[in-house]
Amino acid sequence: MTVLWTSEALVAATGGRPIGTMPSGVGGISIDTRTLKPGDAFYAIKGEAMDGHDFASAAVAAGASVLVVAEAKLPALGRLAVPMIVVPDVLQALERTGIAARDRTRAKVIAVTGSAGKTSTKEALRHALSAVGTVHASDKSFNNHWGVPLTLAKLPEDCDYAVFEIGMNHPGEIRPLVRMVRPHVAIVTIIAAAHLGFFKNLEEIATAKAEIFEGLVPGGTALVNRDDERWALLERLARKAGVENVAGFGEHSRAEYHLTKCRLEADHSEIVARIAGKNHALAIGAPGRHVVQNVLAVLGAAHLAGADVARVAAALETLSPESGRGKRHSLSVPGGRITLIDESYNANPASMKAALDLLNATPVSGNGRRIAVLGDMLELGAHSHRLHAALAEMVKGTKTDIVLMAGPEMKALAEALPDGVRREYRAGAAELQPVLMETLRPGDAVMVKSSKGIGFSKLVDALIKTFPADAAKRA
């Protein structure tokens, strides 16, 4: 087992009181018994729905070498045969562990926020920087008040790069997280109408996202989308936060990390980007203009972190989309194949446009059609009806043949679509599933997009289960 924390260092980091014979060290940090590995330290965090102390026995059974528990819960834990570190509050102990990890690391640290593209940019950074060094990055979308300190606590002392995703849906949420992370580079991908139900306008969203600049280390750089309409506001907020170095990425002529050429293909893109006065021609394995924008941020961050940009650029040729974020499947249906684009993880107006553009660029064969399967965009508040109806203009600008919709908010789009577009609307994903299955025919390209809470990932799962990708490979 590789030791992540010696027991002495872990006790010091948590500020807790050790009970029992401590192991020499722990191999990892866990807050979930389902993913806990033997030798991990289990932090019994109390969440909104569950209390980790209720799973202490399961943690021991899974091989936890140490439990980090709250003093108030100690009497209820009985005589568990495992050493413990007793603390006043377990989440605070996790935060302290994360801060200690940040203090000891030599890694160049990059933090990413934005209304769309956070996880995709984080994963692209993980992928590309792995070509030039060891990389630590957050799992999945661990970007909130427990995900960020957990990712920090798992940060190895000797890695070269560390990448953190920081999210929010209310003002003030990024500030305490980024002050733990203390990045050398802070990226804002784009400002868009995500979580607009909690804000008056996009300017308020930009102001909340700009909290990421407050955690930059002295001499760090704010890396901002130069093509974003809120560029000037973000630059001003960065300066207000005391940031001396503000750089832009994008197609804008004044962007320091500048896109000079771009060719979008159905399954990849080819670009030329000017980085630090040198042109880099590269292929990007994942398709979409929005991915190109994310890659410009990746190249800029790599340069700012002192990485070999040429090697980073070359690694992007093998970049592939994540599940729920543009991953493609070739599925076998009676008489041929369909292309499935899985965009089911999340949705807001900006990511909806990007997904519709992806569908538009995807070729169909024979009598195939382009089918958009769209579910509600959540957390838009009073703006929801208007923004869902506005998707009609996005659809009109593409070669989409059929729009299948579900969710109460999507009714606004169903009513706004022009007469020439075939549409079907149902109350929810379950009711839409048989309609989708009956609609498919060989040669179709199908794109599934919604906010995660709408459950459209079940549609993706149903398609893959009914029309397996392996069968397509054997055909």
Protein backbone atom coordinates (compact mmCIF):
# COMPACT_ATOMS: atom_id res chain seq x y z
CA MET A 1 0.00 0.00 0.00
CA THR A 2 1.26 3.44 -0.94
CA VAL A 3 1.00 5.67 2.12
CA LEU A 4 -0.92 8.89 1.52
CA TRP A 5 -0.78 10.03 5.14
CA THR A 6 1.28 8.74 8.04
CA SER A 7 -0.89 8.38 11.13
CA GLU A 8 1.11 11.04 12.91
CA ALA A 9 0.55 13.50 10.04
CA LEU A 10 -3.14 12.61 9.80
CA VAL A 11 -3.76 13.17 13.49
CA ALA A 12 -1.95 16.50 13.27
CA ALA A 13 -3.91 17.49 10.16
CA THR A 14 -7.30 16.72 11.70
CA GLY A 15 -6.40 18.21 15.08
CA GLY A 16 -8.09 15.16 16.61
CA ARG A 17 -7.52 12.78 19.50
CA PRO A 18 -6.29 9.27 18.58
CA ILE A 19 -7.83 6.21 20.22
CA GLY A 20 -6.34 2.73 19.88
CA THR A 21 -3.20 1.52 18.17
CA MET A 22 -2.82 3.59 15.04
CA PRO A 23 -1.51 2.03 11.81
CA SER A 24 1.73 3.30 10.33
CA GLY A 25 -0.29 5.16 7.71
CA VAL A 26 -3.36 5.22 5.46
CA GLY A 27 -3.54 4.66 1.73
CA GLY A 28 -6.47 6.95 1.03
CA ILE A 29 -9.36 9.03 2.33
CA SER A 30 -12.99 7.94 2.00
CA ILE A 31 -16.42 9.22 3.00
CA ASP A 32 -18.34 6.42 1.25
CA THR A 33 -18.17 2.76 2.31
CA ARG A 34 -19.22 1.69 -1.21
CA THR A 35 -15.95 2.95 -2.69
CA LEU A 36 -13.72 2.59 0.38
CA LYS A 37 -10.53 0.60 -0.21
CA PRO A 38 -8.70 -1.47 2.42
CA GLY A 39 -6.29 0.76 4.30
CA ASP A 40 -8.32 3.96 3.82
CA ALA A 41 -9.25 6.39 6.58
CA PHE A 42 -13.05 6.72 6.77
CA TYR A 43 -14.38 10.18 7.64
CA ALA A 44 -17.89 9.76 9.09
CA ILE A 45 -19.40 12.94 7.66
CA LYS A 46 -22.96 13.87 8.58
CA GLY A 47 -24.80 14.95 5.45
CA GLU A 48 -28.31 16.22 4.79
CA ALA A 49 -29.72 12.74 4.17
CA MET A 50 -27.30 10.35 5.88
CA ASP A 51 -24.84 10.27 8.76
CA GLY A 52 -21.53 8.53 8.15
CA HIS A 53 -21.46 7.33 11.75
CA ASP A 54 -24.32 4.97 10.87
CA PHE A 55 -21.95 3.25 8.43
CA ALA A 56 -18.98 2.89 10.80
CA SER A 57 -19.37 -0.89 11.04
CA ALA A 58 -19.63 -1.14 7.24
CA ALA A 59 -16.44 0.89 6.96
CA VAL A 60 -14.62 -1.50 9.27
CA ALA A 61 -15.94 -4.47 7.28
CA ALA A 62 -14.70 -2.84 4.06
CA GLY A 63 -11.19 -2.58 5.49
CA ALA A 64 -10.94 0.95 6.88
CA SER A 65 -7.76 1.25 8.96
CA VAL A 66 -8.88 4.39 10.83
CA LEU A 67 -12.22 6.04 11.53
CA VAL A 68 -12.49 9.82 11.94
CA VAL A 69 -15.54 10.36 14.14
CA ALA A 70 -17.29 13.11 16.07
CA GLU A 71 -16.82 13.29 19.84
CA ALA A 72 -20.58 13.46 20.36
CA LYS A 73 -21.08 10.20 18.44
CA LEU A 74 -18.37 8.24 20.23
CA PRO A 75 -20.60 6.62 22.90
CA ALA A 76 -22.96 5.24 20.25
CA LEU A 77 -20.17 3.54 18.30
CA GLY A 78 -19.55 0.88 20.93
CA ARG A 79 -16.40 -1.18 20.82
CA LEU A 80 -15.42 -1.17 17.16
CA ALA A 81 -12.17 -3.04 16.57
CA VAL A 82 -10.46 -0.24 14.71
CA PRO A 83 -8.47 2.82 15.79
CA MET A 84 -10.22 6.18 15.68
CA ILE A 85 -9.41 9.86 15.51
CA VAL A 86 -11.98 11.78 17.53
CA VAL A 87 -12.77 15.35 16.46
CA PRO A 88 -15.41 17.97 17.31
CA ASP A 89 -16.79 18.01 13.73
CA VAL A 90 -15.88 15.52 10.99
CA LEU A 91 -16.47 17.84 8.00
CA GLN A 92 -14.24 20.45 9.63
CA ALA A 93 -11.63 17.74 10.18
CA LEU A 94 -11.82 16.87 6.47
CA GLU A 95 -11.37 20.54 5.61
CA ARG A 96 -8.34 20.74 7.92
CA THR A 97 -6.89 17.63 6.27
CA GLY A 98 -7.38 19.22 2.86
CA ILE A 99 -5.68 22.43 3.92
CA ALA A 100 -2.75 20.45 5.32
CA ALA A 101 -2.47 18.55 2.04
CA ARG A 102 -2.38 21.81 0.11
CA ASP A 103 0.29 23.17 2.44
CA ARG A 104 2.64 20.26 1.85
CA THR A 105 2.22 19.70 -1.91
CA ARG A 106 4.67 20.90 -4.54
CA ALA A 107 2.09 20.59 -7.31
CA LYS A 108 1.04 23.39 -9.62
CA VAL A 109 -2.62 23.86 -8.74
CA ILE A 110 -5.36 24.76 -11.25
CA ALA A 111 -8.96 25.54 -10.29
CA VAL A 112 -11.87 25.59 -12.75
CA THR A 113 -15.32 27.14 -12.49
CA GLY A 114 -17.93 28.42 -14.94
CA SER A 115 -21.56 27.96 -15.92
CA ALA A 116 -20.74 25.12 -18.34
CA GLY A 117 -17.72 23.03 -19.21
CA LYS A 118 -16.23 22.75 -15.71
CA THR A 119 -15.99 18.98 -15.59
CA SER A 120 -15.05 18.63 -19.25
CA THR A 121 -12.23 21.16 -18.82
CA LYS A 122 -11.06 19.48 -15.63
CA GLU A 123 -10.99 16.10 -17.38
CA ALA A 124 -9.19 17.56 -20.39
CA LEU A 125 -6.57 19.01 -18.05
CA ARG A 126 -6.21 15.64 -16.30
CA HIS A 127 -5.79 13.89 -19.64
CA ALA A 128 -3.42 16.35 -21.27
CA LEU A 129 -1.19 17.10 -18.27
CA SER A 130 -0.74 13.36 -17.69
CA ALA A 131 1.51 13.47 -20.76
CA VAL A 132 4.01 15.66 -18.91
CA GLY A 133 3.72 14.62 -15.26
CA THR A 134 1.65 13.09 -12.50
CA VAL A 135 -1.82 14.61 -12.10
CA HIS A 136 -4.32 14.60 -9.22
CA ALA A 137 -7.86 15.72 -10.05
CA SER A 138 -11.28 15.52 -8.47
CA ASP A 139 -13.45 12.48 -9.10
CA LYS A 140 -16.63 12.96 -11.13
CA SER A 141 -18.07 16.40 -10.26
CA PHE A 142 -16.81 16.58 -6.68
CA ASN A 143 -17.00 20.37 -6.64
CA ASN A 144 -18.99 21.33 -3.52
CA HIS A 145 -18.46 21.89 0.21
CA TRP A 146 -17.43 18.25 0.82
CA GLY A 147 -16.15 17.32 -2.66
CA VAL A 148 -13.43 19.98 -2.74
CA PRO A 149 -11.93 19.27 0.71
CA LEU A 150 -12.15 15.52 0.00
CA THR A 151 -10.22 15.97 -3.24
CA LEU A 152 -7.68 18.11 -1.41
CA ALA A 153 -7.30 15.57 1.41
CA LYS A 154 -6.49 12.87 -1.20
CA LEU A 155 -3.83 15.06 -2.85
CA PRO A 156 -0.47 13.23 -2.88
CA GLU A 157 2.49 15.14 -1.59
CA ASP A 158 4.65 14.46 -4.64
CA CYS A 159 2.39 14.96 -7.71
CA ASP A 160 3.20 17.53 -10.38
CA TYR A 161 -0.24 18.99 -11.12
CA ALA A 162 -3.52 19.19 -9.21
CA VAL A 163 -6.81 20.16 -10.85
CA PHE A 164 -9.92 21.16 -8.91
CA GLU A 165 -13.44 21.82 -10.10
CA ILE A 166 -15.35 24.35 -7.99
CA GLY A 167 -19.09 24.76 -8.43
CA MET A 168 -21.85 26.84 -6.91
CA ASN A 169 -25.53 27.68 -7.22
CA HIS A 170 -25.61 30.49 -4.66
CA PRO A 171 -23.35 33.49 -3.97
CA GLY A 172 -20.60 32.93 -1.43
CA GLU A 173 -20.13 29.21 -2.07
CA ILE A 174 -16.92 29.39 -4.11
CA ARG A 175 -15.06 31.74 -1.75
CA PRO A 176 -14.34 29.34 1.16
CA LEU A 177 -13.51 26.49 -1.22
CA VAL A 178 -11.00 28.36 -3.34
CA ARG A 179 -9.28 29.66 -0.22
CA MET A 180 -8.56 26.04 0.65
CA VAL A 181 -7.40 25.19 -2.88
CA ARG A 182 -5.18 28.29 -3.34
CA PRO A 183 -4.65 27.79 -7.09
CA HIS A 184 -1.81 29.09 -9.22
CA VAL A 185 -4.27 29.37 -12.14
CA ALA A 186 -8.02 30.06 -11.82
CA ILE A 187 -10.14 29.37 -14.93
CA VAL A 188 -13.62 30.70 -15.68
CA THR A 189 -14.95 28.74 -18.66
CA ILE A 190 -18.09 30.72 -19.55
CA ILE A 191 -20.89 32.71 -17.90
CA ALA A 192 -24.35 31.46 -18.86
CA ALA A 193 -27.87 31.07 -17.51
CA ALA A 194 -27.19 28.18 -15.16
CA HIS A 195 -28.77 28.40 -11.68
CA LEU A 196 -30.43 31.62 -12.83
CA GLY A 197 -33.28 30.90 -10.43
CA PHE A 198 -30.95 31.93 -7.60
CA PHE A 199 -29.70 35.13 -9.27
CA LYS A 200 -31.23 38.26 -10.77
CA ASN A 201 -29.14 38.20 -13.95
CA LEU A 202 -25.96 36.96 -15.61
CA GLU A 203 -23.93 39.75 -14.03
CA GLU A 204 -24.74 38.33 -10.59
CA ILE A 205 -23.67 34.88 -11.78
CA ALA A 206 -20.39 36.34 -13.07
CA THR A 207 -19.81 38.06 -9.73
CA ALA A 208 -20.33 34.79 -7.88
CA LYS A 209 -18.02 32.90 -10.24
CA ALA A 210 -15.38 35.61 -9.81
CA GLU A 211 -14.99 34.57 -6.18
CA ILE A 212 -12.53 32.01 -7.56
CA PHE A 213 -10.00 34.82 -8.08
CA GLU A 214 -9.92 35.56 -4.34
CA GLY A 215 -8.04 32.34 -3.61
CA LEU A 216 -5.23 32.76 -6.14
CA VAL A 217 -1.73 32.54 -4.70
CA PRO A 218 0.37 35.73 -4.97
CA GLY A 219 1.53 35.98 -8.57
CA GLY A 220 -1.21 33.60 -9.76
CA THR A 221 -3.20 34.12 -12.95
CA ALA A 222 -6.89 34.53 -13.66
CA LEU A 223 -7.58 32.77 -16.99
CA VAL A 224 -10.86 33.99 -18.47
CA ASN A 225 -12.84 33.34 -21.64
CA ARG A 226 -12.02 36.39 -23.80
CA ASP A 227 -15.04 35.70 -26.02
CA ASP A 228 -17.47 35.88 -23.10
CA GLU A 229 -19.69 38.98 -23.00
CA ARG A 230 -18.83 39.32 -19.28
CA TRP A 231 -15.07 39.40 -19.95
CA ALA A 232 -14.71 43.04 -18.87
CA LEU A 233 -16.69 42.45 -15.68
CA LEU A 234 -14.64 39.37 -14.81
CA GLU A 235 -11.38 41.18 -15.48
CA ARG A 236 -12.50 44.06 -13.27
CA LEU A 237 -13.49 41.67 -10.49
CA ALA A 238 -10.15 39.89 -10.75
CA ARG A 239 -8.31 43.19 -10.40
CA LYS A 240 -10.53 44.10 -7.45
CA ALA A 241 -9.52 40.81 -5.81
CA GLY A 242 -5.88 41.88 -6.10
CA VAL A 243 -4.98 39.70 -9.07
CA GLU A 244 -2.19 41.27 -11.12
CA ASN A 245 -2.13 38.68 -13.92
CA VAL A 246 -5.31 38.32 -16.00
CA ALA A 247 -5.10 36.39 -19.29
CA GLY A 248 -7.73 35.56 -21.88
CA PHE A 249 -8.38 32.54 -24.08
CA GLY A 250 -10.56 32.41 -27.15
CA GLU A 251 -11.03 33.63 -30.70
CA HIS A 252 -10.82 37.29 -29.71
CA SER A 253 -7.82 39.02 -31.29
CA ARG A 254 -6.58 40.20 -27.89
CA ALA A 255 -6.71 36.78 -26.25
CA GLU A 256 -3.29 35.70 -25.01
CA TYR A 257 -4.20 32.09 -25.83
CA HIS A 258 -5.66 32.66 -29.24
CA LEU A 259 -7.56 30.43 -31.66
CA THR A 260 -6.37 31.23 -35.19
CA LYS A 261 -7.89 28.35 -37.18
CA CYS A 262 -10.64 25.84 -36.48
CA ARG A 263 -12.15 22.98 -38.46
CA LEU A 264 -15.01 21.11 -36.81
CA GLU A 265 -15.60 17.50 -37.81
CA ALA A 266 -18.32 15.11 -36.66
CA ASP A 267 -16.05 13.23 -34.25
CA HIS A 268 -13.09 15.56 -33.69
CA SER A 269 -11.76 19.06 -34.33
CA GLU A 270 -8.56 20.39 -35.86
CA ILE A 271 -7.26 23.76 -34.69
CA VAL A 272 -4.31 26.09 -34.67
CA ALA A 273 -3.78 27.91 -31.39
CA ARG A 274 -1.23 30.63 -30.72
CA ILE A 275 0.29 30.05 -27.28
CA ALA A 276 3.05 32.33 -25.96
CA GLY A 277 3.86 33.58 -29.45
CA LYS A 278 4.06 30.13 -31.03
CA ASN A 279 1.47 28.42 -33.23
CA HIS A 280 0.43 24.89 -32.29
CA ALA A 281 -1.53 22.80 -34.78
CA LEU A 282 -3.42 20.00 -33.07
CA ALA A 283 -6.30 17.60 -33.32
CA ILE A 284 -8.85 17.30 -30.49
CA GLY A 285 -10.32 13.83 -30.04
CA ALA A 286 -13.64 15.10 -28.65
CA PRO A 287 -15.90 17.02 -31.08
CA GLY A 288 -17.67 20.37 -30.67
CA ARG A 289 -16.88 24.06 -30.77
CA HIS A 290 -17.43 24.28 -27.01
CA VAL A 291 -14.72 21.64 -26.55
CA VAL A 292 -12.37 23.77 -28.63
CA GLN A 293 -12.98 26.65 -26.22
CA ASN A 294 -12.24 24.39 -23.24
CA VAL A 295 -9.05 23.19 -24.90
CA LEU A 296 -7.82 26.76 -25.30
CA ALA A 297 -8.18 27.11 -21.52
CA VAL A 298 -6.28 23.83 -21.08
CA LEU A 299 -3.41 25.02 -23.27
CA GLY A 300 -3.31 28.37 -21.47
CA ALA A 301 -3.29 26.75 -18.05
CA ALA A 302 -0.59 24.30 -19.14
CA HIS A 303 1.60 27.18 -20.29
CA LEU A 304 1.02 29.11 -17.08
CA ALA A 305 1.85 26.01 -15.05
CA GLY A 306 5.17 25.65 -16.84
CA ALA A 307 4.25 22.48 -18.74
CA ASP A 308 5.57 21.51 -22.17
CA VAL A 309 2.74 22.90 -24.32
CA ALA A 310 3.71 20.90 -27.41
CA ARG A 311 3.40 17.60 -25.52
CA VAL A 312 0.16 18.72 -23.89
CA ALA A 313 -1.25 19.66 -27.30
CA ALA A 314 -0.28 16.29 -28.79
CA ALA A 315 -2.04 14.45 -25.94
CA LEU A 316 -5.35 16.14 -26.77
CA GLU A 317 -5.66 14.03 -29.91
CA THR A 318 -6.75 11.11 -27.71
CA LEU A 319 -9.19 13.14 -25.60
CA SER A 320 -12.62 11.51 -25.47
CA PRO A 321 -15.95 12.75 -24.08
CA GLU A 322 -17.17 11.54 -20.69
CA SER A 323 -20.43 9.68 -20.09
CA GLY A 324 -23.28 12.19 -19.97
CA ARG A 325 -21.07 14.85 -21.55
CA GLY A 326 -21.04 14.00 -25.22
CA LYS A 327 -19.96 10.36 -25.17
CA ARG A 328 -20.92 8.60 -28.40
CA HIS A 329 -22.25 5.09 -28.89
CA SER A 330 -22.77 3.21 -32.14
CA LEU A 331 -25.81 1.01 -31.48
CA SER A 332 -27.27 -1.82 -33.52
CA VAL A 333 -30.96 -1.54 -34.42
CA PRO A 334 -32.93 -3.81 -36.75
CA GLY A 335 -31.62 -3.13 -40.23
CA GLY A 336 -28.57 -1.06 -39.31
CA ARG A 337 -27.07 1.30 -36.72
CA ILE A 338 -27.79 4.55 -34.97
CA THR A 339 -25.43 7.05 -33.37
CA LEU A 340 -26.27 7.97 -29.78
CA ILE A 341 -24.82 11.15 -28.23
CA ASP A 342 -25.12 11.04 -24.43
CA GLU A 343 -25.46 14.60 -23.06
CA SER A 344 -27.71 13.57 -20.18
CA TYR A 345 -25.62 14.80 -17.23
CA ASN A 346 -26.73 18.44 -17.09
CA ALA A 347 -28.27 21.25 -19.09
CA ASN A 348 -28.53 25.02 -19.33
CA PRO A 349 -29.09 27.22 -22.39
CA ALA A 350 -25.39 27.38 -23.27
CA SER A 351 -24.84 23.63 -23.04
CA MET A 352 -28.13 22.99 -24.89
CA LYS A 353 -26.82 25.02 -27.83
CA ALA A 354 -23.52 23.14 -27.76
CA ALA A 355 -25.35 19.80 -27.74
CA LEU A 356 -27.65 20.80 -30.62
CA ASP A 357 -24.59 21.90 -32.57
CA LEU A 358 -23.01 18.50 -31.93
CA LEU A 359 -26.13 16.78 -33.26
CA ASN A 360 -26.15 19.10 -36.26
CA ALA A 361 -22.56 18.11 -37.11
CA THR A 362 -23.24 14.39 -36.75
CA PRO A 363 -23.80 12.62 -40.08
CA VAL A 364 -26.81 10.42 -40.71
CA SER A 365 -26.98 7.62 -43.25
CA GLY A 366 -29.63 6.41 -45.65
CA ASN A 367 -33.01 7.66 -44.47
CA GLY A 368 -31.69 8.58 -41.03
CA ARG A 369 -32.85 11.65 -39.14
CA ARG A 370 -31.33 13.88 -36.47
CA ILE A 371 -33.38 13.42 -33.31
CA ALA A 372 -33.04 15.73 -30.29
CA VAL A 373 -34.34 14.20 -27.04
CA LEU A 374 -34.65 17.13 -24.65
CA GLY A 375 -35.57 17.37 -20.97
CA ASP A 376 -36.00 20.27 -18.56
CA MET A 377 -33.20 22.67 -17.68
CA LEU A 378 -33.50 23.06 -13.91
CA GLU A 379 -32.83 25.97 -11.52
CA LEU A 380 -33.84 28.72 -13.94
CA GLY A 381 -36.53 30.15 -11.66
CA ALA A 382 -38.78 32.84 -13.12
CA HIS A 383 -36.74 32.78 -16.34
CA SER A 384 -37.53 29.13 -17.04
CA HIS A 385 -40.49 29.48 -19.44
CA ARG A 386 -38.74 32.12 -21.54
CA LEU A 387 -35.45 30.22 -21.75
CA HIS A 388 -37.12 26.92 -22.64
CA ALA A 389 -39.21 28.60 -25.34
CA ALA A 390 -36.06 30.28 -26.68
CA LEU A 391 -34.60 26.85 -27.48
CA ALA A 392 -36.91 26.88 -30.51
CA GLU A 393 -34.62 29.37 -32.23
CA MET A 394 -31.62 27.11 -31.55
CA VAL A 395 -33.45 24.14 -33.05
CA LYS A 396 -34.49 26.19 -36.11
CA GLY A 397 -30.83 26.98 -36.75
CA THR A 398 -29.94 23.30 -37.10
CA LYS A 399 -30.85 20.33 -39.29
CA THR A 400 -32.80 18.67 -36.47
CA ASP A 401 -35.67 16.60 -37.89
CA ILE A 402 -37.46 15.42 -34.75
CA VAL A 403 -37.63 16.83 -31.21
CA LEU A 404 -38.79 14.51 -28.42
CA MET A 405 -39.43 16.31 -25.12
CA ALA A 406 -40.37 15.56 -21.52
CA GLY A 407 -40.70 17.50 -18.29
CA PRO A 408 -43.05 20.29 -17.20
CA GLU A 409 -40.75 23.08 -18.37
CA MET A 410 -40.22 21.58 -21.82
CA LYS A 411 -43.88 22.21 -22.62
CA ALA A 412 -42.82 25.78 -23.43
CA LEU A 413 -40.50 24.50 -26.17
CA ALA A 414 -43.12 22.11 -27.49
CA GLU A 415 -45.46 25.06 -27.99
CA ALA A 416 -42.77 27.33 -29.51
CA LEU A 417 -41.36 24.96 -32.14
CA PRO A 418 -42.24 25.87 -35.74
CA ASP A 419 -44.77 23.76 -37.62
CA GLY A 420 -42.13 22.20 -39.86
CA VAL A 421 -40.43 20.38 -36.97
CA ARG A 422 -41.89 17.06 -35.95
CA ARG A 423 -42.31 16.96 -32.17
CA GLU A 424 -43.59 14.68 -29.42
CA TYR A 425 -44.09 15.77 -25.82
CA ARG A 426 -44.66 13.61 -22.74
CA ALA A 427 -44.85 14.33 -19.02
CA GLY A 428 -41.63 12.55 -18.03
CA ALA A 429 -38.76 10.32 -19.11
CA ALA A 430 -40.69 7.10 -18.43
CA GLU A 431 -43.55 8.18 -20.68
CA LEU A 432 -41.14 9.35 -23.38
CA GLN A 433 -39.14 6.11 -23.50
CA PRO A 434 -41.59 4.07 -25.62
CA VAL A 435 -42.03 7.01 -28.00
CA LEU A 436 -38.26 7.17 -28.46
CA MET A 437 -37.96 3.45 -29.05
CA GLU A 438 -40.74 3.47 -31.63
CA THR A 439 -39.29 6.49 -33.45
CA LEU A 440 -35.83 5.06 -34.14
CA ARG A 441 -34.80 3.71 -37.52
CA PRO A 442 -31.43 2.82 -39.08
CA GLY A 443 -29.16 5.74 -39.87
CA ASP A 444 -30.53 8.03 -37.16
CA ALA A 445 -28.39 10.28 -34.95
CA VAL A 446 -29.94 10.71 -31.50
CA MET A 447 -28.84 13.27 -28.90
CA VAL A 448 -30.17 13.06 -25.33
CA LYS A 449 -29.88 16.23 -23.24
CA SER A 450 -31.39 17.37 -19.93
CA SER A 451 -30.57 18.39 -16.40
CA LYS A 452 -29.52 15.42 -14.29
CA GLY A 453 -32.59 15.55 -12.03
CA ILE A 454 -34.94 14.85 -14.94
CA GLY A 455 -33.59 11.31 -15.23
CA PHE A 456 -32.81 11.23 -18.94
CA SER A 457 -29.77 9.05 -18.22
CA LYS A 458 -32.34 6.24 -17.93
CA LEU A 459 -33.21 6.80 -21.58
CA VAL A 460 -29.55 6.42 -22.49
CA ASP A 461 -29.28 3.27 -20.39
CA ALA A 462 -32.42 1.84 -22.00
CA LEU A 463 -31.09 2.49 -25.51
CA ILE A 464 -27.74 0.86 -24.73
CA LYS A 465 -29.42 -2.12 -23.07
CA THR A 466 -31.92 -2.61 -25.90
CA PHE A 467 -29.45 -1.98 -28.73
CA PRO A 468 -26.03 -3.01 -27.37
CA ALA A 469 -22.92 -1.37 -28.73
CA ASP A 470 -21.13 -4.75 -28.81
CA ALA A 471 -23.75 -6.03 -31.24
CA ALA A 472 -22.93 -3.12 -33.53
CA LYS A 473 -19.27 -4.12 -33.46
CA ARG A 474 -20.12 -7.68 -34.39
CA ALA A 475 -22.44 -6.66 -37.21
